[in-house]
Structures are given as structure tokens and as C-alpha cells.
C-alpha atoms as a PDB file:
ATOM      1  CA  UNK A   1      97.003  16.749 -12.336  1.00  0.00           C
ATOM      2  CA  UNK A   2      93.530  16.807 -10.331  1.00  0.00           C
ATOM      3  CA  UNK A   3      90.565  14.770  -9.043  1.00  0.00           C
ATOM      4  CA  UNK A   4      87.741  16.982  -9.767  1.00  0.00           C
ATOM      5  CA  UNK A   5      86.996  17.021  -6.343  1.00  0.00           C
ATOM      6  CA  UNK A   6      86.699  20.917  -5.393  1.00  0.00           C
ATOM      7  CA  UNK A   7      87.814  21.833  -2.324  1.00  0.00           C
ATOM      8  CA  UNK A   8      86.694  25.365  -2.033  1.00  0.00           C
ATOM      9  CA  UNK A   9      84.062  27.893  -3.759  1.00  0.00           C
ATOM     10  CA  UNK A  10      86.102  30.816  -4.680  1.00  0.00           C
ATOM     11  CA  UNK A  11      85.423  34.570  -5.827  1.00  0.00           C
ATOM     12  CA  UNK A  12      86.443  36.710  -8.680  1.00  0.00           C
ATOM     13  CA  UNK A  13      87.725  39.612  -6.561  1.00  0.00           C
ATOM     14  CA  UNK A  14      89.181  41.467 -10.155  1.00  0.00           C
ATOM     15  CA  UNK A  15      89.865  41.277 -13.258  1.00  0.00           C
ATOM     16  CA  UNK A  16      91.778  43.078 -16.050  1.00  0.00           C
ATOM     17  CA  UNK A  17      90.886  42.624 -19.623  1.00  0.00           C
ATOM     18  CA  UNK A  18      94.032  43.005 -21.847  1.00  0.00           C
ATOM     19  CA  UNK A  19      94.188  42.167 -25.642  1.00  0.00           C
ATOM     20  CA  UNK A  20      94.777  38.728 -25.611  1.00  0.00           C
ATOM     21  CA  UNK A  21      94.437  37.873 -21.749  1.00  0.00           C
ATOM     22  CA  UNK A  22      92.895  38.463 -19.143  1.00  0.00           C
ATOM     23  CA  UNK A  23      94.427  38.800 -15.620  1.00  0.00           C
ATOM     24  CA  UNK A  24      92.207  37.357 -12.600  1.00  0.00           C
ATOM     25  CA  UNK A  25      92.031  37.667  -9.026  1.00  0.00           C
ATOM     26  CA  UNK A  26      90.214  34.737  -6.947  1.00  0.00           C
ATOM     27  CA  UNK A  27      89.573  34.478  -3.572  1.00  0.00           C
ATOM     28  CA  UNK A  28      90.264  30.779  -2.039  1.00  0.00           C
ATOM     29  CA  UNK A  29      91.534  31.003   1.683  1.00  0.00           C
ATOM     30  CA  UNK A  30      92.199  27.744   1.647  1.00  0.00           C
ATOM     31  CA  UNK A  31      94.016  26.999  -1.786  1.00  0.00           C
ATOM     32  CA  UNK A  32      96.169  29.657  -1.149  1.00  0.00           C
ATOM     33  CA  UNK A  33      97.431  28.018   2.508  1.00  0.00           C
ATOM     34  CA  UNK A  34     101.133  27.172   1.811  1.00  0.00           C
ATOM     35  CA  UNK A  35     100.777  28.524  -2.220  1.00  0.00           C
ATOM     36  CA  UNK A  36     103.744  29.197  -3.860  1.00  0.00           C
ATOM     37  CA  UNK A  37     104.651  31.292  -7.158  1.00  0.00           C
ATOM     38  CA  UNK A  38     104.291  29.308 -10.301  1.00  0.00           C
ATOM     39  CA  UNK A  39     101.848  26.211  -8.361  1.00  0.00           C
ATOM     40  CA  UNK A  40      98.540  25.502 -10.540  1.00  0.00           C
ATOM     41  CA  UNK A  41      95.010  25.699  -8.767  1.00  0.00           C
ATOM     42  CA  UNK A  42      92.199  24.631 -11.090  1.00  0.00           C
ATOM     43  CA  UNK A  43      89.482  27.469 -11.449  1.00  0.00           C
ATOM     44  CA  UNK A  44      85.859  25.837 -12.497  1.00  0.00           C
ATOM     45  CA  UNK A  45      88.267  23.385 -14.255  1.00  0.00           C
ATOM     46  CA  UNK A  46      90.756  25.004 -16.087  1.00  0.00           C
ATOM     47  CA  UNK A  47      94.450  24.591 -14.762  1.00  0.00           C
ATOM     48  CA  UNK A  48      95.824  27.810 -13.891  1.00  0.00           C
ATOM     49  CA  UNK A  49      99.281  29.096 -12.553  1.00  0.00           C
ATOM     50  CA  UNK A  50      99.620  30.922  -9.630  1.00  0.00           C
ATOM     51  CA  UNK A  51     101.615  34.462 -10.117  1.00  0.00           C
ATOM     52  CA  UNK A  52     101.387  36.238  -7.409  1.00  0.00           C
ATOM     53  CA  UNK A  53      99.395  35.481  -3.768  1.00  0.00           C
ATOM     54  CA  UNK A  54      98.627  36.533  -0.263  1.00  0.00           C
ATOM     55  CA  UNK A  55      96.068  36.948   2.041  1.00  0.00           C
ATOM     56  CA  UNK A  56      93.512  33.903   1.232  1.00  0.00           C
ATOM     57  CA  UNK A  57      93.672  35.434  -2.837  1.00  0.00           C
ATOM     58  CA  UNK A  58      96.172  34.934  -5.728  1.00  0.00           C
ATOM     59  CA  UNK A  59      96.135  35.555  -9.316  1.00  0.00           C
ATOM     60  CA  UNK A  60      96.334  34.284 -12.843  1.00  0.00           C
ATOM     61  CA  UNK A  61      97.122  34.623 -15.778  1.00  0.00           C
ATOM     62  CA  UNK A  62      94.491  33.739 -18.687  1.00  0.00           C
ATOM     63  CA  UNK A  63      95.584  33.605 -22.353  1.00  0.00           C
ATOM     64  CA  UNK A  64      93.222  33.737 -24.880  1.00  0.00           C
ATOM     65  CA  UNK A  65      93.186  30.145 -26.441  1.00  0.00           C
ATOM     66  CA  UNK A  66      92.217  29.436 -22.874  1.00  0.00           C
ATOM     67  CA  UNK A  67      89.532  32.134 -22.638  1.00  0.00           C
ATOM     68  CA  UNK A  68      88.513  30.573 -26.568  1.00  0.00           C
ATOM     69  CA  UNK A  69      87.728  27.521 -25.299  1.00  0.00           C
ATOM     70  CA  UNK A  70      86.623  28.082 -21.724  1.00  0.00           C
ATOM     71  CA  UNK A  71      83.862  30.113 -19.779  1.00  0.00           C
ATOM     72  CA  UNK A  72      85.996  32.096 -17.682  1.00  0.00           C
ATOM     73  CA  UNK A  73      86.205  34.772 -20.521  1.00  0.00           C
ATOM     74  CA  UNK A  74      82.172  34.868 -18.629  1.00  0.00           C
ATOM     75  CA  UNK A  75      83.488  35.492 -14.738  1.00  0.00           C
ATOM     76  CA  UNK A  76      83.404  38.602 -13.887  1.00  0.00           C
ATOM     77  CA  UNK A  77      83.810  40.448  -9.902  1.00  0.00           C
ATOM     78  CA  UNK A  78      81.764  38.279  -7.696  1.00  0.00           C
ATOM     79  CA  UNK A  79      81.660  35.704  -9.825  1.00  0.00           C
ATOM     80  CA  UNK A  80      81.430  32.355  -8.392  1.00  0.00           C
ATOM     81  CA  UNK A  81      84.524  29.661  -8.960  1.00  0.00           C
ATOM     82  CA  UNK A  82      85.579  25.769  -8.424  1.00  0.00           C
ATOM     83  CA  UNK A  83      88.833  25.792  -6.855  1.00  0.00           C
ATOM     84  CA  UNK A  84      90.798  22.681  -6.574  1.00  0.00           C
ATOM     85  CA  UNK A  85      94.702  22.009  -5.908  1.00  0.00           C
ATOM     86  CA  UNK A  86      96.466  19.390  -7.940  1.00  0.00           C
ATOM     87  CA  UNK A  87      96.539  15.795  -6.048  1.00  0.00           C
ATOM     88  CA  UNK A  88      99.511  14.393  -4.142  1.00  0.00           C
ATOM     89  CA  UNK A  89     101.494  11.673  -5.399  1.00  0.00           C
ATOM     90  CA  UNK A  90     100.656   9.571  -3.106  1.00  0.00           C
ATOM     91  CA  UNK A  91      97.038  11.444  -2.444  1.00  0.00           C
ATOM     92  CA  UNK A  92      93.506   9.490  -3.148  1.00  0.00           C
ATOM     93  CA  UNK A  93      91.932   9.872  -6.840  1.00  0.00           C
ATOM     94  CA  UNK A  94      88.470  10.599  -5.537  1.00  0.00           C
ATOM     95  CA  UNK A  95      87.389  11.867  -8.237  1.00  0.00           C
ATOM     96  CA  UNK A  96      88.962  10.720 -11.743  1.00  0.00           C
ATOM     97  CA  UNK A  97      92.209  11.755 -14.043  1.00  0.00           C
ATOM     98  CA  UNK A  98      91.535  15.297 -14.460  1.00  0.00           C
ATOM     99  CA  UNK A  99      94.174  17.166 -16.652  1.00  0.00           C
ATOM    100  CA  UNK A 100      92.604  20.295 -15.920  1.00  0.00           C
ATOM    101  CA  UNK A 101      92.608  20.689 -19.687  1.00  0.00           C
ATOM    102  CA  UNK A 102      89.072  22.196 -20.599  1.00  0.00           C
ATOM    103  CA  UNK A 103      87.692  20.518 -24.283  1.00  0.00           C
ATOM    104  CA  UNK A 104      85.492  23.310 -24.833  1.00  0.00           C
ATOM    105  CA  UNK A 105      82.015  24.601 -23.392  1.00  0.00           C
ATOM    106  CA  UNK A 106      78.389  23.323 -23.240  1.00  0.00           C
ATOM    107  CA  UNK A 107      74.906  24.915 -22.036  1.00  0.00           C
ATOM    108  CA  UNK A 108      73.008  23.478 -19.035  1.00  0.00           C
ATOM    109  CA  UNK A 109      69.624  23.013 -20.990  1.00  0.00           C
ATOM    110  CA  UNK A 110      67.088  21.929 -17.828  1.00  0.00           C
ATOM    111  CA  UNK A 111      67.243  21.409 -13.936  1.00  0.00           C
ATOM    112  CA  UNK A 112      64.830  18.627 -12.538  1.00  0.00           C
ATOM    113  CA  UNK A 113      65.197  18.880  -8.441  1.00  0.00           C
ATOM    114  CA  UNK A 114      63.893  15.955  -6.508  1.00  0.00           C
ATOM    115  CA  UNK A 115      63.672  15.126  -2.861  1.00  0.00           C
ATOM    116  CA  UNK A 116      67.030  14.222  -1.889  1.00  0.00           C
ATOM    117  CA  UNK A 117      69.128  15.062  -5.344  1.00  0.00           C
ATOM    118  CA  UNK A 118      68.489  16.847  -8.936  1.00  0.00           C
ATOM    119  CA  UNK A 119      68.767  15.990 -12.209  1.00  0.00           C
ATOM    120  CA  UNK A 120      70.536  18.078 -14.905  1.00  0.00           C
ATOM    121  CA  UNK A 121      70.556  17.907 -18.281  1.00  0.00           C
ATOM    122  CA  UNK A 122      73.784  19.615 -20.309  1.00  0.00           C
ATOM    123  CA  UNK A 123      74.515  20.625 -23.786  1.00  0.00           C
ATOM    124  CA  UNK A 124      77.317  19.691 -25.093  1.00  0.00           C
ATOM    125  CA  UNK A 125      79.469  20.259 -28.623  1.00  0.00           C
ATOM    126  CA  UNK A 126      78.791  17.657 -31.113  1.00  0.00           C
ATOM    127  CA  UNK A 127      82.830  16.436 -31.332  1.00  0.00           C
ATOM    128  CA  UNK A 128      82.662  15.849 -27.645  1.00  0.00           C
ATOM    129  CA  UNK A 129      79.817  14.045 -27.455  1.00  0.00           C
ATOM    130  CA  UNK A 130      81.382  10.784 -28.562  1.00  0.00           C
ATOM    131  CA  UNK A 131      83.783  10.661 -25.063  1.00  0.00           C
ATOM    132  CA  UNK A 132      80.595  10.797 -23.317  1.00  0.00           C
ATOM    133  CA  UNK A 133      78.938   7.279 -22.455  1.00  0.00           C
ATOM    134  CA  UNK A 134      76.809   6.156 -19.922  1.00  0.00           C
ATOM    135  CA  UNK A 135      77.640   6.072 -16.289  1.00  0.00           C
ATOM    136  CA  UNK A 136      81.453   6.874 -17.500  1.00  0.00           C
ATOM    137  CA  UNK A 137      83.740  10.171 -15.966  1.00  0.00           C
ATOM    138  CA  UNK A 138      83.160  13.318 -17.132  1.00  0.00           C
ATOM    139  CA  UNK A 139      84.114  17.289 -15.591  1.00  0.00           C
ATOM    140  CA  UNK A 140      81.981  19.896 -15.844  1.00  0.00           C
ATOM    141  CA  UNK A 141      83.145  23.192 -14.310  1.00  0.00           C
ATOM    142  CA  UNK A 142      85.833  20.870 -12.404  1.00  0.00           C
ATOM    143  CA  UNK A 143      83.665  18.720 -11.085  1.00  0.00           C
ATOM    144  CA  UNK A 144      84.155  14.658 -11.294  1.00  0.00           C
ATOM    145  CA  UNK A 145      80.624  13.227 -12.441  1.00  0.00           C
ATOM    146  CA  UNK A 146      79.079  10.337 -13.601  1.00  0.00           C
ATOM    147  CA  UNK A 147      77.112  10.280 -16.910  1.00  0.00           C
ATOM    148  CA  UNK A 148      73.501   8.898 -15.827  1.00  0.00           C
ATOM    149  CA  UNK A 149      72.289   9.359 -19.542  1.00  0.00           C
ATOM    150  CA  UNK A 150      73.379  10.420 -23.550  1.00  0.00           C
ATOM    151  CA  UNK A 151      72.364  11.705 -26.800  1.00  0.00           C
ATOM    152  CA  UNK A 152      73.647  12.947 -29.619  1.00  0.00           C
ATOM    153  CA  UNK A 153      74.494  16.555 -28.588  1.00  0.00           C
ATOM    154  CA  UNK A 154      72.909  16.158 -24.156  1.00  0.00           C
ATOM    155  CA  UNK A 155      73.949  14.371 -20.874  1.00  0.00           C
ATOM    156  CA  UNK A 156      72.407  14.418 -17.777  1.00  0.00           C
ATOM    157  CA  UNK A 157      74.228  14.167 -14.224  1.00  0.00           C
ATOM    158  CA  UNK A 158      72.685  13.665 -10.302  1.00  0.00           C
ATOM    159  CA  UNK A 159      74.018  16.597  -7.801  1.00  0.00           C
ATOM    160  CA  UNK A 160      73.948  15.000  -4.567  1.00  0.00           C
ATOM    161  CA  UNK A 161      73.375  17.670  -1.686  1.00  0.00           C
ATOM    162  CA  UNK A 162      76.699  18.078  -1.187  1.00  0.00           C
ATOM    163  CA  UNK A 163      77.800  19.063  -4.695  1.00  0.00           C
ATOM    164  CA  UNK A 164      74.369  21.760  -4.804  1.00  0.00           C
ATOM    165  CA  UNK A 165      76.151  23.083  -2.051  1.00  0.00           C
ATOM    166  CA  UNK A 166      79.674  23.365  -2.264  1.00  0.00           C
ATOM    167  CA  UNK A 167      79.988  23.962  -5.951  1.00  0.00           C
ATOM    168  CA  UNK A 168      78.640  26.387  -8.760  1.00  0.00           C
ATOM    169  CA  UNK A 169      76.495  23.841  -9.771  1.00  0.00           C
ATOM    170  CA  UNK A 170      74.723  24.732  -7.573  1.00  0.00           C
ATOM    171  CA  UNK A 171      73.887  28.290  -8.262  1.00  0.00           C
ATOM    172  CA  UNK A 172      74.005  27.380 -12.277  1.00  0.00           C
ATOM    173  CA  UNK A 173      71.135  28.688 -14.386  1.00  0.00           C
ATOM    174  CA  UNK A 174      69.592  26.711 -17.527  1.00  0.00           C
ATOM    175  CA  UNK A 175      72.028  28.900 -20.772  1.00  0.00           C
ATOM    176  CA  UNK A 176      74.444  29.145 -18.549  1.00  0.00           C
ATOM    177  CA  UNK A 177      78.227  27.818 -19.862  1.00  0.00           C
ATOM    178  CA  UNK A 178      80.129  24.783 -18.281  1.00  0.00           C
ATOM    179  CA  UNK A 179      83.497  24.215 -18.750  1.00  0.00           C
ATOM    180  CA  UNK A 180      83.294  20.559 -20.019  1.00  0.00           C
ATOM    181  CA  UNK A 181      86.553  18.171 -19.814  1.00  0.00           C
ATOM    182  CA  UNK A 182      85.668  14.517 -21.709  1.00  0.00           C
ATOM    183  CA  UNK A 183      87.641  11.570 -20.384  1.00  0.00           C
ATOM    184  CA  UNK A 184      90.943  11.725 -21.673  1.00  0.00           C
ATOM    185  CA  UNK A 185      91.583   7.784 -21.749  1.00  0.00           C
ATOM    186  CA  UNK A 186      88.947   7.760 -23.936  1.00  0.00           C
ATOM    187  CA  UNK A 187      91.025  10.556 -26.068  1.00  0.00           C
ATOM    188  CA  UNK A 188      93.755   8.152 -25.871  1.00  0.00           C
ATOM    189  CA  UNK A 189      92.297   5.066 -26.730  1.00  0.00           C
ATOM    190  CA  UNK A 190      90.457   7.036 -29.996  1.00  0.00           C
ATOM    191  CA  UNK A 191      94.258   7.906 -31.412  1.00  0.00           C
ATOM    192  CA  UNK A 192      96.232   4.663 -30.444  1.00  0.00           C
ATOM    193  CA  UNK A 193      92.858   2.559 -32.175  1.00  0.00           C
ATOM    194  CA  UNK A 194      92.455   4.958 -35.517  1.00  0.00           C
ATOM    195  CA  UNK A 195      93.018   4.388 -39.269  1.00  0.00           C
ATOM    196  CA  UNK A 196      97.083   4.546 -38.958  1.00  0.00           C
ATOM    197  CA  UNK A 197      97.417   2.794 -36.059  1.00  0.00           C
ATOM    198  CA  UNK A 198     100.054   0.793 -34.848  1.00  0.00           C
ATOM    199  CA  UNK A 199     102.172   2.191 -38.225  1.00  0.00           C
ATOM    200  CA  UNK A 200     105.226   3.847 -35.869  1.00  0.00           C
ATOM    201  CA  UNK A 201     105.124   1.028 -33.834  1.00  0.00           C
ATOM    202  CA  UNK A 202     108.492  -1.893 -34.648  1.00  0.00           C
END
């Protein structure tokens, strides 16, 4: 489990395109410190497994399903990425509960700068809109954020200078894709209160 508090702005150093997958090599000296084979690291909000590591870099395989649901397939050598290690048991939950299981991609629509913060508008798929609520939590490229406003197919977020400086959200442009993970609690509530709720309860 992750918290959506990005630890490091990393970089893609190599990409190997396979028939039904891709293998990425990424630079992240902080998140690879003490890393072991099989550990998890979130890359732009996608939970990936460390296959190899060394010299401040790690390699991860990305299967077709992940490439289809996320924006990782658009990454190339030199792309900057948000990196986060899983939260340790007993650690601080600085953001919100993030699984690293991306629900889909959105599109950065507009940026409105202000003196001390920036308002960003993001388009999202219709099937995810019902999980996004004003003042609720959402993960955008692995960053835990609070929703400001919500429309039928968009939402806005406010970014403070720290987020702009230390994550990819500071360099994203209009039209760029972003990975979205909605609040998992909302999905469980929907499932539990659905038309067949309580059928299997004894």
C-alpha cells in the first residue's frame, strides 16, 4: 500500500518493448536504497515489482494489462516519473490509501496559475466520475490530491509549490495523459450497497 506522497522525481533510462509487455529501467537513488528483488515501487502511481537493481537504478516489467490501463506505455527514455516506496507498517499515512492499481487515464485539460498555487483541470473517463467527489481524495500520477470541483467528465485540483517542484505535475502540459486511481473505499461502498447487497450474508 502507498500513501500518494511522492518521495522522488525519477527518470526513465531505458525501455525495452516486448510483444505483449515492456521492460523499464528507471533511475531513483532514494527509492532503490535498500531495495531487494521483488519489492514494490510505485511509478506514476502504478505499483511495479523490482526485478533488478543497482547503482541507484531498478528494472521493472510492465504487462499488457498495465500498459492498456495506464500511461506508462507513453514513457520514453528521459521521461520524468513520480516514485514512491510502499508505506511501512506503523508509518504515517500522509496522503490517503493508495493501492497502486490505476483505474484509468485522464487528460490534463487546463492550468490556471496563481501567485502561490496553481489550479489544474483534469478530464476523466465517464465510468470513473461517480467515484470523484468535491473535497474527496484522488491519486493523479501517484500524487494524493484533494478534489476542488467536479463536473460530469472533469475535476480540478490545486497544486502547491512543493507539488509543482517535486512531482511530474509541475511539468505536465495540456493534452498530456495522467494516471488516475479513485478512492478504493468508494468502490467497496458501491459494491456493498449495490442491487445484490446482503444476498450472501447469513
